[in-house]
Amino acid sequence: FCGDYAPIDYSDGSGMNLLDIVNKSWSPECLKAC
């Protein structure tokens, strides 16, 4: 709908095993592993 990359929202992003759901940011440990 935007015609450009839309960001991932916190709520759906917390279904990835990647988002630190307390700090609301990607977990560096999880990113490095994946």
Full PDB file with SEQRES, HELIX, SHEET, SSBOND, CRYST1, ORIGX, SCALE, CONECT and MASTER records, all heavy atoms in Angstrom:
SEQRES   1 A   34  PHE CYS GLY ASP TYR ALA PRO ILE ASP TYR SER ASP GLY          
SEQRES   2 A   34  SER GLY MET ASN LEU LEU ASP ILE VAL ASN LYS SER TRP          
SEQRES   3 A   34  SER PRO GLU CYS LEU LYS ALA CYS                              
HELIX    1 AA1 TYR A   10  GLY A   13  1                                   4    
HELIX    2 AA2 PRO A   28  ALA A   33  1                                   6    
SHEET    1 AA1 2 LEU A  19  ASP A  20  0                                        
SHEET    2 AA1 2 SER A  25  TRP A  26 -1                                        
CRYST1    1.000    1.000    1.000  90.00  90.00  90.00 P 1           1          
ORIGX1      1.000000  0.000000  0.000000        0.00000                         
ORIGX2      0.000000  1.000000  0.000000        0.00000                         
ORIGX3      0.000000  0.000000  1.000000        0.00000                         
SCALE1      1.000000  0.000000  0.000000        0.00000                         
SCALE2      0.000000  1.000000  0.000000        0.00000                         
SCALE3      0.000000  0.000000  1.000000        0.00000                         
ATOM      1  N   PHE A   1       0.819  -1.214   0.000  1.00  0.00           N  
ATOM      2  CA  PHE A   1       0.000   0.000   0.000  1.00  0.00           C  
ATOM      3  C   PHE A   1       0.851   1.263   0.000  1.00  0.00           C  
ATOM      4  O   PHE A   1       0.451   2.274  -0.567  1.00  0.00           O  
ATOM      5  CB  PHE A   1      -0.954  -0.003   1.200  1.00  0.00           C  
ATOM      6  CG  PHE A   1      -2.071  -0.997   1.079  1.00  0.00           C  
ATOM      7  CD1 PHE A   1      -2.001  -2.216   1.723  1.00  0.00           C  
ATOM      8  CD2 PHE A   1      -3.171  -0.739   0.283  1.00  0.00           C  
ATOM      9  CE1 PHE A   1      -3.018  -3.155   1.598  1.00  0.00           C  
ATOM     10  CE2 PHE A   1      -4.191  -1.661   0.135  1.00  0.00           C  
ATOM     11  CZ  PHE A   1      -4.111  -2.881   0.795  1.00  0.00           C  
ATOM     12  N   CYS A   2       2.019   1.201   0.639  1.00  0.00           N  
ATOM     13  CA  CYS A   2       2.880   2.391   0.712  1.00  0.00           C  
ATOM     14  C   CYS A   2       3.723   2.588  -0.552  1.00  0.00           C  
ATOM     15  O   CYS A   2       4.157   3.708  -0.841  1.00  0.00           O  
ATOM     16  CB  CYS A   2       3.824   2.287   1.904  1.00  0.00           C  
ATOM     17  SG  CYS A   2       3.041   2.378   3.514  1.00  0.00           S  
ATOM     18  N   GLY A   3       4.016   1.500  -1.268  1.00  0.00           N  
ATOM     19  CA  GLY A   3       4.930   1.599  -2.391  1.00  0.00           C  
ATOM     20  C   GLY A   3       6.364   1.787  -1.932  1.00  0.00           C  
ATOM     21  O   GLY A   3       7.223   2.254  -2.686  1.00  0.00           O  
ATOM     22  N   ASP A   4       6.660   1.402  -0.707  1.00  0.00           N  
ATOM     23  CA  ASP A   4       8.010   1.448  -0.145  1.00  0.00           C  
ATOM     24  C   ASP A   4       8.010   0.518   1.058  1.00  0.00           C  
ATOM     25  O   ASP A   4       6.953   0.199   1.611  1.00  0.00           O  
ATOM     26  CB  ASP A   4       8.374   2.867   0.273  1.00  0.00           C  
ATOM     27  CG  ASP A   4       9.882   3.060   0.447  1.00  0.00           C  
ATOM     28  OD1 ASP A   4      10.633   2.076   0.271  1.00  0.00           O  
ATOM     29  OD2 ASP A   4      10.297   4.186   0.790  1.00  0.00           O  
ATOM     30  N   TYR A   5       9.189   0.096   1.478  1.00  0.00           N  
ATOM     31  CA  TYR A   5       9.259  -0.860   2.567  1.00  0.00           C  
ATOM     32  C   TYR A   5       8.650  -0.283   3.845  1.00  0.00           C  
ATOM     33  O   TYR A   5       9.071   0.770   4.324  1.00  0.00           O  
ATOM     34  CB  TYR A   5      10.697  -1.276   2.836  1.00  0.00           C  
ATOM     35  CG  TYR A   5      11.320  -2.065   1.707  1.00  0.00           C  
ATOM     36  CD1 TYR A   5      12.650  -1.872   1.355  1.00  0.00           C  
ATOM     37  CD2 TYR A   5      10.577  -3.010   0.995  1.00  0.00           C  
ATOM     38  CE1 TYR A   5      13.233  -2.598   0.323  1.00  0.00           C  
ATOM     39  CE2 TYR A   5      11.137  -3.737  -0.042  1.00  0.00           C  
ATOM     40  CZ  TYR A   5      12.470  -3.526  -0.374  1.00  0.00           C  
ATOM     41  OH  TYR A   5      13.030  -4.243  -1.399  1.00  0.00           O  
ATOM     42  N   ALA A   6       7.659  -0.996   4.378  1.00  0.00           N  
ATOM     43  CA  ALA A   6       7.019  -0.603   5.630  1.00  0.00           C  
ATOM     44  C   ALA A   6       7.698  -1.325   6.788  1.00  0.00           C  
ATOM     45  O   ALA A   6       8.101  -2.488   6.656  1.00  0.00           O  
ATOM     46  CB  ALA A   6       5.532  -0.945   5.604  1.00  0.00           C  
ATOM     47  N   PRO A   7       7.842  -0.671   7.938  1.00  0.00           N  
ATOM     48  CA  PRO A   7       8.507  -1.309   9.072  1.00  0.00           C  
ATOM     49  C   PRO A   7       7.642  -2.381   9.726  1.00  0.00           C  
ATOM     50  O   PRO A   7       6.420  -2.411   9.576  1.00  0.00           O  
ATOM     51  CB  PRO A   7       8.754  -0.137  10.027  1.00  0.00           C  
ATOM     52  CG  PRO A   7       7.673   0.844   9.705  1.00  0.00           C  
ATOM     53  CD  PRO A   7       7.433   0.720   8.229  1.00  0.00           C  
ATOM     54  N   ILE A   8       8.296  -3.253  10.463  1.00  0.00           N  
ATOM     55  CA  ILE A   8       7.625  -4.263  11.282  1.00  0.00           C  
ATOM     56  C   ILE A   8       7.170  -3.599  12.576  1.00  0.00           C  
ATOM     57  O   ILE A   8       7.908  -2.821  13.189  1.00  0.00           O  
ATOM     58  CB  ILE A   8       8.594  -5.424  11.582  1.00  0.00           C  
ATOM     59  CG1 ILE A   8       8.924  -6.176  10.286  1.00  0.00           C  
ATOM     60  CG2 ILE A   8       8.020  -6.378  12.631  1.00  0.00           C  
ATOM     61  CD1 ILE A   8      10.048  -7.187  10.427  1.00  0.00           C  
ATOM     62  N   ASP A   9       5.944  -3.867  13.003  1.00  0.00           N  
ATOM     63  CA  ASP A   9       5.457  -3.262  14.244  1.00  0.00           C  
ATOM     64  C   ASP A   9       5.860  -4.115  15.443  1.00  0.00           C  
ATOM     65  O   ASP A   9       6.167  -5.310  15.318  1.00  0.00           O  
ATOM     66  CB  ASP A   9       3.937  -3.084  14.189  1.00  0.00           C  
ATOM     67  CG  ASP A   9       3.184  -4.354  14.516  1.00  0.00           C  
ATOM     68  OD1 ASP A   9       3.291  -5.328  13.732  1.00  0.00           O  
ATOM     69  OD2 ASP A   9       2.504  -4.402  15.552  1.00  0.00           O  
ATOM     70  N   TYR A  10       5.851  -3.508  16.624  1.00  0.00           N  
ATOM     71  CA  TYR A  10       6.282  -4.200  17.833  1.00  0.00           C  
ATOM     72  C   TYR A  10       5.503  -5.490  18.085  1.00  0.00           C  
ATOM     73  O   TYR A  10       6.072  -6.501  18.499  1.00  0.00           O  
ATOM     74  CB  TYR A  10       6.096  -3.300  19.067  1.00  0.00           C  
ATOM     75  CG  TYR A  10       7.011  -2.114  19.189  1.00  0.00           C  
ATOM     76  CD1 TYR A  10       6.707  -1.087  20.076  1.00  0.00           C  
ATOM     77  CD2 TYR A  10       8.186  -2.001  18.439  1.00  0.00           C  
ATOM     78  CE1 TYR A  10       7.538   0.021  20.224  1.00  0.00           C  
ATOM     79  CE2 TYR A  10       9.023  -0.910  18.568  1.00  0.00           C  
ATOM     80  CZ  TYR A  10       8.679   0.109  19.460  1.00  0.00           C  
ATOM     81  OH  TYR A  10       9.500   1.202  19.610  1.00  0.00           O  
ATOM     82  N   SER A  11       4.189  -5.433  17.884  1.00  0.00           N  
ATOM     83  CA  SER A  11       3.360  -6.571  18.275  1.00  0.00           C  
ATOM     84  C   SER A  11       3.631  -7.789  17.406  1.00  0.00           C  
ATOM     85  O   SER A  11       3.889  -8.883  17.917  1.00  0.00           O  
ATOM     86  CB  SER A  11       1.876  -6.186  18.212  1.00  0.00           C  
ATOM     87  OG  SER A  11       1.079  -7.186  18.817  1.00  0.00           O  
ATOM     88  N   ASP A  12       3.597  -7.629  16.082  1.00  0.00           N  
ATOM     89  CA  ASP A  12       3.904  -8.756  15.210  1.00  0.00           C  
ATOM     90  C   ASP A  12       5.381  -9.110  15.285  1.00  0.00           C  
ATOM     91  O   ASP A  12       5.766 -10.278  15.178  1.00  0.00           O  
ATOM     92  CB  ASP A  12       3.508  -8.432  13.764  1.00  0.00           C  
ATOM     93  CG  ASP A  12       3.170  -9.685  12.958  1.00  0.00           C  
ATOM     94  OD1 ASP A  12       3.026 -10.767  13.550  1.00  0.00           O  
ATOM     95  OD2 ASP A  12       3.030  -9.579  11.718  1.00  0.00           O  
ATOM     96  N   GLY A  13       6.219  -8.106  15.501  1.00  0.00           N  
ATOM     97  CA  GLY A  13       7.649  -8.358  15.641  1.00  0.00           C  
ATOM     98  C   GLY A  13       7.977  -9.219  16.845  1.00  0.00           C  
ATOM     99  O   GLY A  13       9.006  -9.912  16.876  1.00  0.00           O  
ATOM    100  N   SER A  14       7.104  -9.206  17.849  1.00  0.00           N  
ATOM    101  CA  SER A  14       7.369 -10.032  19.024  1.00  0.00           C  
ATOM    102  C   SER A  14       6.965 -11.492  18.808  1.00  0.00           C  
ATOM    103  O   SER A  14       7.036 -12.294  19.732  1.00  0.00           O  
ATOM    104  CB  SER A  14       6.682  -9.451  20.270  1.00  0.00           C  
ATOM    105  OG  SER A  14       5.324  -9.156  20.046  1.00  0.00           O  
ATOM    106  N   GLY A  15       6.603 -11.835  17.577  1.00  0.00           N  
ATOM    107  CA  GLY A  15       6.368 -13.229  17.215  1.00  0.00           C  
ATOM    108  C   GLY A  15       7.488 -13.778  16.352  1.00  0.00           C  
ATOM    109  O   GLY A  15       7.243 -14.622  15.481  1.00  0.00           O  
ATOM    110  N   MET A  16       8.710 -13.309  16.586  1.00  0.00           N  
ATOM    111  CA  MET A  16       9.826 -13.683  15.723  1.00  0.00           C  
ATOM    112  C   MET A  16      10.982 -14.354  16.449  1.00  0.00           C  
ATOM    113  O   MET A  16      11.922 -14.833  15.812  1.00  0.00           O  
ATOM    114  CB  MET A  16      10.358 -12.433  15.004  1.00  0.00           C  
ATOM    115  CG  MET A  16       9.353 -11.728  14.114  1.00  0.00           C  
ATOM    116  SD  MET A  16       9.998 -10.175  13.417  1.00  0.00           S  
ATOM    117  CE  MET A  16      11.154 -10.803  12.199  1.00  0.00           C  
ATOM    118  N   ASN A  17      10.951 -14.374  17.813  1.00  0.00           N  
ATOM    119  CA  ASN A  17      12.131 -14.774  18.595  1.00  0.00           C  
ATOM    120  C   ASN A  17      13.323 -13.866  18.316  1.00  0.00           C  
ATOM    121  O   ASN A  17      14.477 -14.289  18.412  1.00  0.00           O  
ATOM    122  CB  ASN A  17      12.544 -16.224  18.329  1.00  0.00           C  
ATOM    123  CG  ASN A  17      11.745 -17.250  19.109  1.00  0.00           C  
ATOM    124  OD1 ASN A  17      11.485 -18.338  18.608  1.00  0.00           O  
ATOM    125  ND2 ASN A  17      11.346 -16.943  20.329  1.00  0.00           N  
ATOM    126  N   LEU A  18      13.044 -12.615  17.970  1.00  0.00           N  
ATOM    127  CA  LEU A  18      14.115 -11.659  17.664  1.00  0.00           C  
ATOM    128  C   LEU A  18      13.981 -10.352  18.443  1.00  0.00           C  
ATOM    129  O   LEU A  18      14.977  -9.677  18.697  1.00  0.00           O  
ATOM    130  CB  LEU A  18      14.129 -11.322  16.167  1.00  0.00           C  
ATOM    131  CG  LEU A  18      14.551 -12.418  15.197  1.00  0.00           C  
ATOM    132  CD1 LEU A  18      14.402 -11.929  13.752  1.00  0.00           C  
ATOM    133  CD2 LEU A  18      15.984 -12.853  15.460  1.00  0.00           C  
ATOM    134  N   LEU A  19      12.759  -9.991  18.834  1.00  0.00           N  
ATOM    135  CA  LEU A  19      12.527  -8.691  19.461  1.00  0.00           C  
ATOM    136  C   LEU A  19      12.654  -8.798  20.977  1.00  0.00           C  
ATOM    137  O   LEU A  19      12.050  -9.681  21.594  1.00  0.00           O  
ATOM    138  CB  LEU A  19      11.140  -8.166  19.094  1.00  0.00           C  
ATOM    139  CG  LEU A  19      10.832  -6.737  19.547  1.00  0.00           C  
ATOM    140  CD1 LEU A  19      11.508  -5.736  18.616  1.00  0.00           C  
ATOM    141  CD2 LEU A  19       9.322  -6.480  19.580  1.00  0.00           C  
ATOM    142  N   ASP A  20      13.424  -7.890  21.559  1.00  0.00           N  
ATOM    143  CA  ASP A  20      13.443  -7.741  23.012  1.00  0.00           C  
ATOM    144  C   ASP A  20      12.152  -7.022  23.389  1.00  0.00           C  
ATOM    145  O   ASP A  20      12.005  -5.823  23.148  1.00  0.00           O  
ATOM    146  CB  ASP A  20      14.673  -6.927  23.433  1.00  0.00           C  
ATOM    147  CG  ASP A  20      14.809  -6.772  24.940  1.00  0.00           C  
ATOM    148  OD1 ASP A  20      13.777  -6.718  25.629  1.00  0.00           O  
ATOM    149  OD2 ASP A  20      15.951  -6.687  25.422  1.00  0.00           O  
ATOM    150  N   ILE A  21      11.197  -7.765  23.976  1.00  0.00           N  
ATOM    151  CA  ILE A  21       9.854  -7.201  24.139  1.00  0.00           C  
ATOM    152  C   ILE A  21       9.754  -6.227  25.311  1.00  0.00           C  
ATOM    153  O   ILE A  21       8.735  -5.545  25.452  1.00  0.00           O  
ATOM    154  CB  ILE A  21       8.781  -8.299  24.266  1.00  0.00           C  
ATOM    155  CG1 ILE A  21       8.991  -9.138  25.530  1.00  0.00           C  
ATOM    156  CG2 ILE A  21       8.769  -9.184  23.028  1.00  0.00           C  
ATOM    157  CD1 ILE A  21       7.854 -10.115  25.805  1.00  0.00           C  
ATOM    158  N   VAL A  22      10.788  -6.149  26.137  1.00  0.00           N  
ATOM    159  CA  VAL A  22      10.814  -5.148  27.203  1.00  0.00           C  
ATOM    160  C   VAL A  22      11.388  -3.836  26.676  1.00  0.00           C  
ATOM    161  O   VAL A  22      10.822  -2.763  26.865  1.00  0.00           O  
ATOM    162  CB  VAL A  22      11.619  -5.647  28.415  1.00  0.00           C  
ATOM    163  CG1 VAL A  22      11.755  -4.543  29.467  1.00  0.00           C  
ATOM    164  CG2 VAL A  22      10.935  -6.877  29.033  1.00  0.00           C  
ATOM    165  N   ASN A  23      12.503  -3.937  25.962  1.00  0.00           N  
ATOM    166  CA  ASN A  23      13.161  -2.732  25.439  1.00  0.00           C  
ATOM    167  C   ASN A  23      12.610  -2.281  24.092  1.00  0.00           C  
ATOM    168  O   ASN A  23      12.950  -1.197  23.605  1.00  0.00           O  
ATOM    169  CB  ASN A  23      14.666  -2.978  25.320  1.00  0.00           C  
ATOM    170  CG  ASN A  23      15.321  -3.192  26.668  1.00  0.00           C  
ATOM    171  OD1 ASN A  23      14.983  -2.523  27.638  1.00  0.00           O  
ATOM    172  ND2 ASN A  23      16.229  -4.157  26.745  1.00  0.00           N  
ATOM    173  N   LYS A  24      11.775  -3.131  23.462  1.00  0.00           N  
ATOM    174  CA  LYS A  24      11.151  -2.812  22.177  1.00  0.00           C  
ATOM    175  C   LYS A  24      12.196  -2.535  21.084  1.00  0.00           C  
ATOM    176  O   LYS A  24      12.115  -1.559  20.337  1.00  0.00           O  
ATOM    177  CB  LYS A  24      10.214  -1.593  22.297  1.00  0.00           C  
ATOM    178  CG  LYS A  24       9.246  -1.629  23.475  1.00  0.00           C  
ATOM    179  CD  LYS A  24       8.269  -2.761  23.411  1.00  0.00           C  
ATOM    180  CE  LYS A  24       7.143  -2.621  24.419  1.00  0.00           C  
ATOM    181  NZ  LYS A  24       7.545  -2.607  25.837  1.00  0.00           N  
ATOM    182  N   SER A  25      13.182  -3.413  21.027  1.00  0.00           N  
ATOM    183  CA  SER A  25      14.209  -3.307  19.991  1.00  0.00           C  
ATOM    184  C   SER A  25      14.709  -4.709  19.675  1.00  0.00           C  
ATOM    185  O   SER A  25      14.512  -5.651  20.451  1.00  0.00           O  
ATOM    186  CB  SER A  25      15.381  -2.423  20.471  1.00  0.00           C  
ATOM    187  OG  SER A  25      15.966  -2.971  21.645  1.00  0.00           O  
ATOM    188  N   TRP A  26      15.358  -4.852  18.502  1.00  0.00           N  
ATOM    189  CA  TRP A  26      15.884  -6.167  18.149  1.00  0.00           C  
ATOM    190  C   TRP A  26      16.964  -6.575  19.150  1.00  0.00           C  
ATOM    191  O   TRP A  26      17.803  -5.766  19.540  1.00  0.00           O  
ATOM    192  CB  TRP A  26      16.488  -6.147  16.736  1.00  0.00           C  
ATOM    193  CG  TRP A  26      15.543  -5.767  15.638  1.00  0.00           C  
ATOM    194  CD1 TRP A  26      15.694  -4.767  14.730  1.00  0.00           C  
ATOM    195  CD2 TRP A  26      14.289  -6.393  15.316  1.00  0.00           C  
ATOM    196  NE1 TRP A  26      14.630  -4.707  13.865  1.00  0.00           N  
ATOM    197  CE2 TRP A  26      13.752  -5.690  14.205  1.00  0.00           C  
ATOM    198  CE3 TRP A  26      13.561  -7.455  15.857  1.00  0.00           C  
ATOM    199  CZ2 TRP A  26      12.523  -6.038  13.628  1.00  0.00           C  
ATOM    200  CZ3 TRP A  26      12.336  -7.794  15.284  1.00  0.00           C  
ATOM    201  CH2 TRP A  26      11.826  -7.089  14.191  1.00  0.00           C  
ATOM    202  N   SER A  27      16.930  -7.832  19.546  1.00  0.00           N  
ATOM    203  CA  SER A  27      17.941  -8.358  20.463  1.00  0.00           C  
ATOM    204  C   SER A  27      19.228  -8.633  19.688  1.00  0.00           C  
ATOM    205  O   SER A  27      19.237  -9.450  18.769  1.00  0.00           O  
ATOM    206  CB  SER A  27      17.450  -9.658  21.103  1.00  0.00           C  
ATOM    207  OG  SER A  27      18.527 -10.391  21.655  1.00  0.00           O  
ATOM    208  N   PRO A  28      20.346  -7.979  20.041  1.00  0.00           N  
ATOM    209  CA  PRO A  28      21.607  -8.225  19.320  1.00  0.00           C  
ATOM    210  C   PRO A  28      22.025  -9.690  19.346  1.00  0.00           C  
ATOM    211  O   PRO A  28      22.533 -10.212  18.352  1.00  0.00           O  
ATOM    212  CB  PRO A  28      22.614  -7.338  20.069  1.00  0.00           C  
ATOM    213  CG  PRO A  28      21.781  -6.264  20.691  1.00  0.00           C  
ATOM    214  CD  PRO A  28      20.492  -6.922  21.058  1.00  0.00           C  
ATOM    215  N   GLU A  29      21.788 -10.381  20.495  1.00  0.00           N  
ATOM    216  CA  GLU A  29      22.156 -11.797  20.587  1.00  0.00           C  
ATOM    217  C   GLU A  29      21.375 -12.640  19.585  1.00  0.00           C  
ATOM    218  O   GLU A  29      21.930 -13.531  18.929  1.00  0.00           O  
ATOM    219  CB  GLU A  29      21.869 -12.317  21.997  1.00  0.00           C  
ATOM    220  CG  GLU A  29      22.585 -11.622  23.130  1.00  0.00           C  
ATOM    221  CD  GLU A  29      21.983 -12.015  24.466  1.00  0.00           C  
ATOM    222  OE1 GLU A  29      22.396 -13.050  25.027  1.00  0.00           O  
ATOM    223  OE2 GLU A  29      21.081 -11.290  24.940  1.00  0.00           O  
ATOM    224  N   CYS A  30      20.101 -12.359  19.467  1.00  0.00           N  
ATOM    225  CA  CYS A  30      19.246 -13.148  18.574  1.00  0.00           C  
ATOM    226  C   CYS A  30      19.562 -12.853  17.112  1.00  0.00           C  
ATOM    227  O   CYS A  30      19.608 -13.768  16.277  1.00  0.00           O  
ATOM    228  CB  CYS A  30      17.773 -12.877  18.872  1.00  0.00           C  
ATOM    229  SG  CYS A  30      17.251 -13.381  20.533  1.00  0.00           S  
ATOM    230  N   LEU A  31      19.784 -11.587  16.804  1.00  0.00           N  
ATOM    231  CA  LEU A  31      20.127 -11.218  15.430  1.00  0.00           C  
ATOM    232  C   LEU A  31      21.411 -11.913  14.988  1.00  0.00           C  
ATOM    233  O   LEU A  31      21.487 -12.465  13.881  1.00  0.00           O  
ATOM    234  CB  LEU A  31      20.302  -9.702  15.313  1.00  0.00           C  
ATOM    235  CG  LEU A  31      19.066  -8.818  15.462  1.00  0.00           C  
ATOM    236  CD1 LEU A  31      19.474  -7.354  15.398  1.00  0.00           C  
ATOM    237  CD2 LEU A  31      18.027  -9.120  14.396  1.00  0.00           C  
ATOM    238  N   LYS A  32      22.414 -11.895  15.853  1.00  0.00           N  
ATOM    239  CA  LYS A  32      23.701 -12.489  15.513  1.00  0.00           C  
ATOM    240  C   LYS A  32      23.559 -13.976  15.224  1.00  0.00           C  
ATOM    241  O   LYS A  32      24.204 -14.510  14.312  1.00  0.00           O  
ATOM    242  CB  LYS A  32      24.684 -12.264  16.655  1.00  0.00           C  
ATOM    243  CG  LYS A  32      26.085 -12.803  16.383  1.00  0.00           C  
ATOM    244  CD  LYS A  32      27.016 -12.510  17.563  1.00  0.00           C  
ATOM    245  CE  LYS A  32      28.415 -13.082  17.303  1.00  0.00           C  
ATOM    246  NZ  LYS A  32      29.325 -12.824  18.461  1.00  0.00           N  
ATOM    247  N   ALA A  33      22.690 -14.654  15.968  1.00  0.00           N  
ATOM    248  CA  ALA A  33      22.518 -16.096  15.787  1.00  0.00           C  
ATOM    249  C   ALA A  33      21.762 -16.448  14.510  1.00  0.00           C  
ATOM    250  O   ALA A  33      21.971 -17.525  13.944  1.00  0.00           O  
ATOM    251  CB  ALA A  33      21.782 -16.677  17.000  1.00  0.00           C  
ATOM    252  N   CYS A  34      20.900 -15.537  14.047  1.00  0.00           N  
ATOM    253  CA  CYS A  34      19.975 -15.898  12.964  1.00  0.00           C  
ATOM    254  C   CYS A  34      20.435 -15.516  11.563  1.00  0.00           C  
ATOM    255  O   CYS A  34      19.947 -16.100  10.582  1.00  0.00           O  
ATOM    256  CB  CYS A  34      18.600 -15.292  13.239  1.00  0.00           C  
ATOM    257  SG  CYS A  34      17.762 -16.067  14.643  1.00  0.00           S  
TER     258      CYS A  34                                                      
MASTER        0    0    0    2    2    0    0    6  257    1    0    3          
END                                                                             
